[in-house]
Amino acid sequence: MMKNITIELSPQEFTELLQAYQTLQMFLDKVMSPNELYRENFLSGLRSAQLEVEIGQFEEVHSFDDFLR
């Protein structure tokens, strides 16, 4: 089980972290297909979620607590 930790980032650090994530994602998109990166059950869930969004079958959330419900 993973231990919960609190990480505090400045706005600048958060921006840099997101940029690094996007850079890594763009690189992986170029060299690997999603089928190589993810397990089939994740890809199936992703396709299902995309379909739900396309047909408008979702609930808008306004807070993280809403998301957890």
N, C-alpha and C. Protein backbone atom coordinates (compact mmCIF):
# COMPACT_ATOMS: atom_id res chain seq x y z
N MET A 1 0.84 -1.18 0.00
CA MET A 1 0.00 0.00 0.00
C MET A 1 0.89 1.24 0.00
N MET A 2 0.52 2.21 -0.82
CA MET A 2 1.31 3.43 -0.89
C MET A 2 0.95 4.38 0.25
N LYS A 3 1.96 5.04 0.74
CA LYS A 3 1.78 6.01 1.81
C LYS A 3 1.34 7.34 1.19
N ASN A 4 0.38 8.01 1.81
CA ASN A 4 -0.05 9.32 1.36
C ASN A 4 0.97 10.36 1.76
N ILE A 5 1.32 11.21 0.83
CA ILE A 5 2.23 12.32 1.12
C ILE A 5 1.64 13.60 0.54
N THR A 6 2.04 14.71 1.09
CA THR A 6 1.61 16.01 0.59
C THR A 6 2.78 16.66 -0.13
N ILE A 7 2.53 17.10 -1.34
CA ILE A 7 3.56 17.78 -2.13
C ILE A 7 3.07 19.18 -2.41
N GLU A 8 3.89 20.15 -2.10
CA GLU A 8 3.56 21.54 -2.39
C GLU A 8 4.44 22.03 -3.53
N LEU A 9 3.81 22.59 -4.56
CA LEU A 9 4.52 23.11 -5.71
C LEU A 9 4.15 24.57 -5.91
N SER A 10 5.11 25.34 -6.32
CA SER A 10 4.82 26.72 -6.69
C SER A 10 4.11 26.69 -8.04
N PRO A 11 3.43 27.76 -8.40
CA PRO A 11 2.81 27.79 -9.73
C PRO A 11 3.82 27.53 -10.84
N GLN A 12 5.01 28.06 -10.72
CA GLN A 12 6.05 27.84 -11.73
C GLN A 12 6.46 26.37 -11.80
N GLU A 13 6.63 25.73 -10.64
CA GLU A 13 6.99 24.32 -10.61
C GLU A 13 5.88 23.46 -11.20
N PHE A 14 4.63 23.81 -10.91
CA PHE A 14 3.50 23.05 -11.45
C PHE A 14 3.46 23.18 -12.97
N THR A 15 3.70 24.38 -13.47
CA THR A 15 3.73 24.60 -14.92
C THR A 15 4.84 23.77 -15.56
N GLU A 16 6.01 23.75 -14.94
CA GLU A 16 7.13 22.97 -15.47
C GLU A 16 6.83 21.47 -15.43
N LEU A 17 6.17 21.02 -14.39
CA LEU A 17 5.79 19.61 -14.28
C LEU A 17 4.82 19.23 -15.39
N LEU A 18 3.82 20.07 -15.65
CA LEU A 18 2.88 19.79 -16.72
C LEU A 18 3.57 19.79 -18.09
N GLN A 19 4.50 20.70 -18.28
CA GLN A 19 5.24 20.74 -19.55
C GLN A 19 6.06 19.47 -19.74
N ALA A 20 6.68 18.99 -18.67
CA ALA A 20 7.46 17.75 -18.75
C ALA A 20 6.55 16.57 -19.07
N TYR A 21 5.39 16.52 -18.44
CA TYR A 21 4.43 15.45 -18.71
C TYR A 21 3.99 15.48 -20.17
N GLN A 22 3.69 16.67 -20.68
CA GLN A 22 3.25 16.79 -22.07
C GLN A 22 4.36 16.40 -23.04
N THR A 23 5.59 16.77 -22.72
CA THR A 23 6.73 16.39 -23.56
C THR A 23 6.87 14.88 -23.61
N LEU A 24 6.79 14.24 -22.45
CA LEU A 24 6.90 12.79 -22.39
C LEU A 24 5.74 12.13 -23.14
N GLN A 25 4.54 12.65 -22.98
CA GLN A 25 3.38 12.09 -23.66
C GLN A 25 3.53 12.21 -25.17
N MET A 26 3.97 13.36 -25.67
CA MET A 26 4.16 13.54 -27.11
C MET A 26 5.22 12.57 -27.64
N PHE A 27 6.29 12.38 -26.88
CA PHE A 27 7.33 11.45 -27.29
C PHE A 27 6.78 10.02 -27.38
N LEU A 28 6.09 9.60 -26.32
CA LEU A 28 5.55 8.24 -26.32
C LEU A 28 4.52 8.04 -27.42
N ASP A 29 3.72 9.07 -27.72
CA ASP A 29 2.75 8.98 -28.81
C ASP A 29 3.43 8.75 -30.15
N LYS A 30 4.63 9.29 -30.31
CA LYS A 30 5.36 9.14 -31.57
C LYS A 30 5.99 7.76 -31.72
N VAL A 31 6.43 7.18 -30.62
CA VAL A 31 7.21 5.94 -30.73
C VAL A 31 6.44 4.68 -30.34
N MET A 32 5.27 4.84 -29.71
CA MET A 32 4.52 3.66 -29.27
C MET A 32 3.04 3.86 -29.52
N SER A 33 2.37 2.78 -29.82
CA SER A 33 0.92 2.85 -29.95
C SER A 33 0.29 2.70 -28.57
N PRO A 34 -0.94 3.19 -28.39
CA PRO A 34 -1.61 3.00 -27.10
C PRO A 34 -1.70 1.54 -26.67
N ASN A 35 -1.78 0.64 -27.66
CA ASN A 35 -1.87 -0.79 -27.34
C ASN A 35 -0.62 -1.30 -26.65
N GLU A 36 0.52 -0.65 -26.90
CA GLU A 36 1.76 -1.05 -26.25
C GLU A 36 1.93 -0.40 -24.88
N LEU A 37 1.27 0.74 -24.68
CA LEU A 37 1.43 1.48 -23.43
C LEU A 37 0.46 1.03 -22.35
N TYR A 38 -0.75 0.60 -22.75
CA TYR A 38 -1.80 0.35 -21.78
C TYR A 38 -2.34 -1.06 -21.90
N ARG A 39 -2.89 -1.54 -20.81
CA ARG A 39 -3.53 -2.86 -20.80
C ARG A 39 -4.89 -2.77 -21.47
N GLU A 40 -5.38 -3.90 -21.94
CA GLU A 40 -6.64 -3.93 -22.67
C GLU A 40 -7.81 -3.42 -21.84
N ASN A 41 -7.84 -3.75 -20.55
CA ASN A 41 -8.98 -3.30 -19.74
C ASN A 41 -8.98 -1.77 -19.60
N PHE A 42 -7.80 -1.15 -19.58
CA PHE A 42 -7.74 0.31 -19.54
C PHE A 42 -8.22 0.89 -20.87
N LEU A 43 -7.76 0.32 -21.99
CA LEU A 43 -8.18 0.81 -23.30
C LEU A 43 -9.68 0.66 -23.49
N SER A 44 -10.23 -0.45 -23.00
CA SER A 44 -11.68 -0.66 -23.09
C SER A 44 -12.42 0.39 -22.29
N GLY A 45 -11.96 0.68 -21.09
CA GLY A 45 -12.58 1.72 -20.27
C GLY A 45 -12.46 3.09 -20.90
N LEU A 46 -11.33 3.36 -21.52
CA LEU A 46 -11.12 4.63 -22.20
C LEU A 46 -12.08 4.79 -23.37
N ARG A 47 -12.23 3.74 -24.17
CA ARG A 47 -13.18 3.80 -25.30
C ARG A 47 -14.60 3.99 -24.80
N SER A 48 -14.94 3.34 -23.72
CA SER A 48 -16.27 3.48 -23.13
C SER A 48 -16.50 4.91 -22.65
N ALA A 49 -15.51 5.48 -21.99
CA ALA A 49 -15.62 6.85 -21.50
C ALA A 49 -15.73 7.84 -22.64
N GLN A 50 -14.97 7.63 -23.71
CA GLN A 50 -15.05 8.52 -24.87
C GLN A 50 -16.44 8.47 -25.49
N LEU A 51 -17.02 7.28 -25.57
CA LEU A 51 -18.37 7.14 -26.11
C LEU A 51 -19.38 7.87 -25.24
N GLU A 52 -19.25 7.73 -23.92
CA GLU A 52 -20.17 8.42 -23.01
C GLU A 52 -20.09 9.93 -23.19
N VAL A 53 -18.90 10.46 -23.37
CA VAL A 53 -18.74 11.90 -23.59
C VAL A 53 -19.37 12.30 -24.92
N GLU A 54 -19.16 11.50 -25.95
CA GLU A 54 -19.70 11.81 -27.27
C GLU A 54 -21.22 11.87 -27.27
N ILE A 55 -21.86 10.99 -26.50
CA ILE A 55 -23.33 10.97 -26.49
C ILE A 55 -23.92 11.81 -25.35
N GLY A 56 -23.04 12.48 -24.60
CA GLY A 56 -23.51 13.36 -23.54
C GLY A 56 -23.95 12.66 -22.27
N GLN A 57 -23.48 11.45 -22.07
CA GLN A 57 -23.87 10.66 -20.89
C GLN A 57 -22.83 10.83 -19.78
N PHE A 58 -22.84 12.00 -19.15
CA PHE A 58 -21.90 12.25 -18.07
C PHE A 58 -22.47 13.32 -17.15
N GLU A 59 -21.90 13.41 -15.96
CA GLU A 59 -22.30 14.44 -15.00
C GLU A 59 -21.14 15.39 -14.79
N GLU A 60 -21.42 16.68 -14.88
CA GLU A 60 -20.39 17.67 -14.65
C GLU A 60 -20.10 17.75 -13.16
N VAL A 61 -18.82 17.82 -12.82
CA VAL A 61 -18.43 17.95 -11.41
C VAL A 61 -17.84 19.33 -11.19
N HIS A 62 -18.00 19.83 -9.97
CA HIS A 62 -17.53 21.17 -9.64
C HIS A 62 -16.47 21.16 -8.54
N SER A 63 -16.21 19.98 -8.00
CA SER A 63 -15.20 19.87 -6.95
C SER A 63 -14.64 18.45 -6.97
N PHE A 64 -13.52 18.27 -6.30
CA PHE A 64 -12.94 16.94 -6.23
C PHE A 64 -13.85 15.99 -5.47
N ASP A 65 -14.57 16.48 -4.46
CA ASP A 65 -15.52 15.64 -3.74
C ASP A 65 -16.62 15.14 -4.66
N ASP A 66 -17.11 16.00 -5.56
CA ASP A 66 -18.10 15.56 -6.55
C ASP A 66 -17.53 14.44 -7.41
N PHE A 67 -16.26 14.57 -7.79
CA PHE A 67 -15.61 13.58 -8.62
C PHE A 67 -15.53 12.22 -7.94
N LEU A 68 -15.30 12.22 -6.64
CA LEU A 68 -15.16 10.98 -5.90
C LEU A 68 -16.47 10.24 -5.71
N ARG A 69 -17.58 10.92 -5.85
CA ARG A 69 -18.89 10.28 -5.65
C ARG A 69 -19.32 9.45 -6.80
